[in-house]
Amino acid sequence: MRALRLAPLLVIVGLSLVLAACGDGKPASETMNQLKGVQTLHSYRWTTELRADSSLFDQSQAPEALRVGPFVLKAHVNGERIAPDREHAKTIVEPVTVEPREAITVGTQHWNRIGNGPWRVGVEAFPAARAYFGGSVTLSARALLEPAETSTIAQLRTELTTMPYREETVATGPARRYTLRPDQVALVVADPSINPFAVLKTLPAVRIDLWIDQERLVLVGLRASADSPTLSDAFVLEIRVTEIEPTGVSIEVPR
């Protein structure tokens, strides 16, 4: 938190501007050179879904609440964001949390609380879980959908203009779906500035798909999944923009 500070999840999200091939889709048009980050929007709402098998992580480092034998960790986040620096998110984690964790960011200040409890200033929302996963990345939309520019992102974005895509309809309307080729996935997974989730480097099959809004040319969806040696989809992360420029969004300092 700072929307679930769980794990180095994904700044595979640096992917946000990285698009690639899909096999039998339509070729990308010249206009995709104009691809923008969602930070160019005034506001948006999003959801994040994380599912990860406990076998992927070092159980000797597990906090007490996670020492329950083999299990599937699940996290669900509902959030809203106002550019450039306001974010509000509610996170539910299973099997760890009964009540949701709520977090607000305004500029460089952070607050979180459990359920309807009192707000705490600048306190880590999931310290034990974050340490367990060895993560430095948050599940916030800002971290996942608005990454800093890197040479890897720039290279992959350049490749976009010759890549095919599939047309699909998502929550925000018509979108183009891109699937990264294995060589592009390998490039992203190996770049620690984009992917600090070390476990992805150890898994035999990682897949990444991106959805770009047809009209606005902004990232509105990302799915990263990976197989372990014994399980299909042992790790799955999905983030979706559900509303663009929604009405009634207001994120204020907690009172």
Protein backbone atom coordinates (compact mmCIF):
# COMPACT_ATOMS: atom_id res chain seq x y z
CA MET A 1 0.00 0.00 0.00
CA ARG A 2 1.25 3.02 -0.23
CA ALA A 3 -1.15 0.98 -1.90
CA LEU A 4 -0.02 -2.32 -0.53
CA ARG A 5 3.69 -2.35 -0.30
CA LEU A 6 3.86 -6.00 -0.95
CA ALA A 7 6.50 -6.88 -3.27
CA PRO A 8 8.66 -5.90 -6.06
CA LEU A 9 5.89 -6.57 -8.04
CA LEU A 10 6.05 -5.01 -11.04
CA VAL A 11 7.57 -2.21 -12.01
CA ILE A 12 7.39 -4.55 -14.87
CA VAL A 13 5.23 -1.93 -15.28
CA GLY A 14 7.89 0.05 -16.73
CA LEU A 15 6.17 -1.86 -19.38
CA SER A 16 3.64 0.74 -19.45
CA LEU A 17 5.14 2.31 -22.44
CA VAL A 18 6.66 -0.81 -23.80
CA LEU A 19 4.55 -2.56 -26.36
CA ALA A 20 5.21 -5.53 -28.49
CA ALA A 21 4.16 -8.29 -30.68
CA CYS A 22 1.10 -10.32 -30.89
CA GLY A 23 1.46 -12.78 -33.73
CA ASP A 24 -1.58 -12.36 -35.91
CA GLY A 25 -2.94 -8.93 -34.99
CA LYS A 26 -3.12 -5.68 -36.91
CA PRO A 27 0.08 -3.71 -37.49
CA ALA A 28 0.61 -0.71 -35.20
CA SER A 29 -0.05 2.64 -36.80
CA GLU A 30 2.17 5.69 -36.96
CA THR A 31 -0.03 7.40 -34.38
CA MET A 32 1.27 5.07 -31.70
CA ASN A 33 4.40 7.20 -31.69
CA GLN A 34 2.23 9.55 -29.69
CA LEU A 35 1.71 7.02 -26.90
CA LYS A 36 1.27 8.82 -23.57
CA GLY A 37 1.50 7.76 -19.95
CA VAL A 38 -1.62 7.90 -17.77
CA GLN A 39 0.08 10.70 -15.84
CA THR A 40 -1.06 12.93 -18.69
CA LEU A 41 -4.64 12.38 -17.50
CA HIS A 42 -6.13 14.56 -14.78
CA SER A 43 -7.57 11.58 -12.91
CA TYR A 44 -8.47 7.90 -13.18
CA ARG A 45 -9.68 4.94 -11.13
CA TRP A 46 -8.08 1.51 -11.19
CA THR A 47 -8.06 -2.00 -9.72
CA THR A 48 -5.17 -4.35 -9.06
CA GLU A 49 -5.37 -8.11 -8.58
CA LEU A 50 -2.38 -10.12 -7.38
CA ARG A 51 -2.21 -13.90 -6.98
CA ALA A 52 1.03 -15.63 -6.01
CA ASP A 53 1.74 -19.14 -4.76
CA SER A 54 3.71 -19.29 -1.52
CA SER A 55 6.10 -21.82 -3.07
CA LEU A 56 7.70 -18.94 -4.98
CA PHE A 57 9.12 -17.37 -1.83
CA ASP A 58 11.55 -18.22 0.95
CA GLN A 59 9.33 -19.57 3.73
CA SER A 60 12.07 -19.14 6.33
CA GLN A 61 11.53 -15.39 5.92
CA ALA A 62 7.75 -15.55 6.24
CA PRO A 63 6.15 -13.46 9.01
CA GLU A 64 4.12 -15.34 11.60
CA ALA A 65 0.80 -14.58 9.90
CA LEU A 66 2.01 -16.26 6.71
CA ARG A 67 3.36 -19.44 8.28
CA VAL A 68 0.29 -21.47 7.45
CA GLY A 69 1.78 -24.03 5.09
CA PRO A 70 1.27 -23.87 1.33
CA PHE A 71 -1.18 -21.14 0.35
CA VAL A 72 -2.05 -18.71 -2.41
CA LEU A 73 -1.55 -15.07 -1.52
CA LYS A 74 -4.26 -12.84 -2.97
CA ALA A 75 -4.41 -9.07 -2.96
CA HIS A 76 -7.12 -6.81 -4.34
CA VAL A 77 -6.77 -3.02 -4.61
CA ASN A 78 -9.36 -0.40 -5.55
CA GLY A 79 -7.88 3.03 -6.08
CA GLU A 80 -8.26 6.48 -7.55
CA ARG A 81 -5.64 8.98 -8.56
CA ILE A 82 -5.46 12.70 -9.25
CA ALA A 83 -2.36 13.92 -11.08
CA PRO A 84 0.28 14.68 -10.26
CA ASP A 85 0.55 13.48 -6.65
CA ARG A 86 -2.71 12.40 -5.02
CA GLU A 87 -3.76 8.80 -4.60
CA HIS A 88 -6.29 6.88 -2.51
CA ALA A 89 -6.42 3.07 -2.33
CA LYS A 90 -8.10 0.28 -0.37
CA THR A 91 -6.35 -3.09 -0.21
CA ILE A 92 -7.55 -6.49 0.94
CA VAL A 93 -4.98 -9.27 1.38
CA GLU A 94 -5.75 -12.96 1.90
CA PRO A 95 -5.04 -14.96 3.95
CA VAL A 96 -3.44 -12.21 6.07
CA THR A 97 -5.95 -9.42 6.45
CA VAL A 98 -9.56 -9.40 7.67
CA GLU A 99 -10.18 -5.69 7.39
CA PRO A 100 -9.01 -3.65 4.39
CA ARG A 101 -6.00 -1.37 4.58
CA GLU A 102 -6.70 2.13 3.32
CA ALA A 103 -3.96 4.49 2.17
CA ILE A 104 -3.85 8.12 1.07
CA THR A 105 -0.93 9.92 -0.53
CA VAL A 106 -0.88 13.69 -0.96
CA GLY A 107 2.42 14.98 -2.31
CA THR A 108 5.18 13.44 -0.20
CA GLN A 109 2.90 12.71 2.77
CA HIS A 110 1.35 9.31 3.42
CA TRP A 111 -1.38 7.99 5.72
CA ASN A 112 -2.91 4.54 6.23
CA ARG A 113 -5.41 2.86 8.51
CA ILE A 114 -7.01 -0.52 9.12
CA GLY A 115 -10.75 -0.65 8.51
CA ASN A 116 -12.34 2.41 10.11
CA GLY A 117 -9.55 2.86 12.62
CA PRO A 118 -7.52 6.02 13.15
CA TRP A 119 -5.25 7.31 10.42
CA ARG A 120 -1.53 6.80 10.97
CA VAL A 121 0.95 9.22 9.42
CA GLY A 122 3.81 7.87 7.34
CA VAL A 123 3.59 4.31 8.66
CA GLU A 124 4.35 1.28 6.49
CA ALA A 125 1.08 -0.51 5.74
CA PHE A 126 2.45 -4.06 5.28
CA PRO A 127 5.99 -4.11 6.71
CA ALA A 128 6.22 -7.85 7.41
CA ALA A 129 4.73 -8.90 4.09
CA ARG A 130 6.91 -6.47 2.20
CA ALA A 131 10.04 -7.82 3.87
CA TYR A 132 8.93 -11.39 3.13
CA PHE A 133 8.66 -10.68 -0.57
CA GLY A 134 11.88 -8.72 -0.60
CA GLY A 135 10.11 -5.91 -2.35
CA SER A 136 10.79 -2.28 -2.92
CA VAL A 137 7.77 -1.56 -5.10
CA THR A 138 4.23 -0.62 -4.21
CA LEU A 139 1.00 -1.73 -5.86
CA SER A 140 -0.04 1.88 -6.30
CA ALA A 141 -1.11 3.03 -9.73
CA ARG A 142 1.64 5.61 -9.76
CA ALA A 143 4.33 2.97 -9.40
CA LEU A 144 2.75 0.52 -11.82
CA LEU A 145 1.40 2.77 -14.54
CA GLU A 146 3.68 5.81 -14.38
CA PRO A 147 7.25 4.50 -14.34
CA ALA A 148 10.28 6.66 -14.98
CA GLU A 149 11.77 6.55 -18.45
CA THR A 150 14.58 4.03 -18.93
CA SER A 151 16.61 2.95 -21.94
CA THR A 152 14.77 -0.37 -21.98
CA ILE A 153 11.40 1.35 -22.10
CA ALA A 154 12.59 3.72 -24.81
CA GLN A 155 13.86 0.82 -26.89
CA LEU A 156 10.67 -1.19 -26.57
CA ARG A 157 8.48 1.82 -27.24
CA THR A 158 10.39 2.40 -30.47
CA GLU A 159 9.67 -1.18 -31.49
CA LEU A 160 5.97 -0.55 -31.04
CA THR A 161 5.52 1.13 -34.40
CA THR A 162 6.11 -2.15 -36.24
CA MET A 163 4.28 -4.43 -33.84
CA PRO A 164 0.83 -5.98 -34.45
CA TYR A 165 -2.00 -5.86 -31.91
CA ARG A 166 -5.49 -7.21 -31.27
CA GLU A 167 -8.55 -5.02 -30.82
CA GLU A 168 -10.50 -5.64 -27.62
CA THR A 169 -13.09 -3.78 -25.56
CA VAL A 170 -12.17 -3.11 -21.93
CA ALA A 171 -13.76 -1.07 -19.13
CA THR A 172 -12.58 2.22 -20.64
CA GLY A 173 -13.69 1.33 -24.18
CA PRO A 174 -11.93 0.09 -27.35
CA ALA A 175 -8.31 -0.86 -26.73
CA ARG A 176 -5.32 -2.41 -28.45
CA ARG A 177 -3.85 -5.50 -26.80
CA TYR A 178 -0.13 -6.13 -27.20
CA THR A 179 1.73 -9.27 -26.13
CA LEU A 180 5.45 -8.99 -25.52
CA ARG A 181 7.66 -11.46 -27.37
CA PRO A 182 9.81 -13.78 -25.23
CA ASP A 183 12.95 -11.76 -26.03
CA GLN A 184 11.23 -8.55 -24.94
CA VAL A 185 9.94 -10.15 -21.75
CA ALA A 186 13.46 -11.34 -20.98
CA LEU A 187 14.79 -7.82 -21.51
CA VAL A 188 12.23 -6.34 -19.13
CA VAL A 189 12.59 -9.03 -16.45
CA ALA A 190 16.38 -8.67 -16.46
CA ASP A 191 16.27 -4.89 -15.97
CA PRO A 192 16.19 -4.16 -12.20
CA SER A 193 15.12 -0.57 -12.80
CA ILE A 194 11.90 -1.91 -14.31
CA ASN A 195 11.48 -5.24 -12.53
CA PRO A 196 12.70 -5.41 -8.94
CA PHE A 197 10.62 -8.55 -8.41
CA ALA A 198 13.56 -10.96 -8.28
CA VAL A 199 11.45 -14.13 -8.30
CA LEU A 200 10.41 -13.48 -11.90
CA LYS A 201 14.02 -13.99 -12.95
CA THR A 202 13.90 -17.55 -11.61
CA LEU A 203 10.69 -18.68 -13.30
CA PRO A 204 10.72 -20.63 -16.58
CA ALA A 205 7.85 -18.87 -18.35
CA VAL A 206 6.81 -15.22 -17.94
CA ARG A 207 4.13 -13.55 -20.07
CA ILE A 208 3.22 -9.87 -20.32
CA ASP A 209 0.22 -8.27 -22.03
CA LEU A 210 -0.65 -4.58 -22.28
CA TRP A 211 -3.84 -2.75 -23.24
CA ILE A 212 -3.72 0.73 -24.78
CA ASP A 213 -6.82 2.93 -25.05
CA GLN A 214 -7.55 3.41 -28.76
CA GLU A 215 -8.66 7.03 -28.50
CA ARG A 216 -6.37 8.49 -25.85
CA LEU A 217 -3.34 6.27 -26.50
CA VAL A 218 -2.70 5.69 -22.79
CA LEU A 219 -2.03 2.45 -20.93
CA VAL A 220 -5.26 1.10 -19.42
CA GLY A 221 -4.32 -2.48 -18.57
CA LEU A 222 -1.41 -4.75 -17.79
CA ARG A 223 -1.19 -8.47 -17.05
CA ALA A 224 1.98 -10.25 -15.99
CA SER A 225 1.88 -13.98 -15.33
CA ALA A 226 4.49 -16.65 -14.72
CA ASP A 227 4.69 -20.41 -14.31
CA SER A 228 6.74 -22.18 -11.69
CA PRO A 229 8.35 -25.55 -12.45
CA THR A 230 5.25 -27.26 -11.04
CA LEU A 231 2.38 -24.75 -11.40
CA SER A 232 0.83 -22.81 -14.25
CA ASP A 233 0.11 -19.17 -13.41
CA ALA A 234 1.89 -19.44 -10.08
CA PHE A 235 2.21 -15.65 -10.21
CA VAL A 236 -0.41 -13.37 -11.76
CA LEU A 237 -0.65 -9.60 -11.56
CA GLU A 238 -3.33 -7.56 -13.29
CA ILE A 239 -3.91 -3.82 -13.12
CA ARG A 240 -6.80 -2.18 -14.97
CA VAL A 241 -7.84 1.42 -15.37
CA THR A 242 -11.60 1.28 -14.83
CA GLU A 243 -12.54 4.94 -15.36
CA ILE A 244 -10.78 7.78 -17.13
CA GLU A 245 -11.41 11.34 -15.90
CA PRO A 246 -14.24 10.18 -13.58
CA THR A 247 -16.52 12.76 -11.97
CA GLY A 248 -16.56 13.32 -8.22
CA VAL A 249 -12.98 12.29 -7.42
CA SER A 250 -11.58 14.20 -4.43
CA ILE A 251 -8.53 13.10 -2.44
CA GLU A 252 -7.86 15.19 0.67
CA VAL A 253 -5.62 15.01 3.71
CA PRO A 254 -7.31 12.77 6.36
CA ARG A 255 -8.86 14.57 9.32
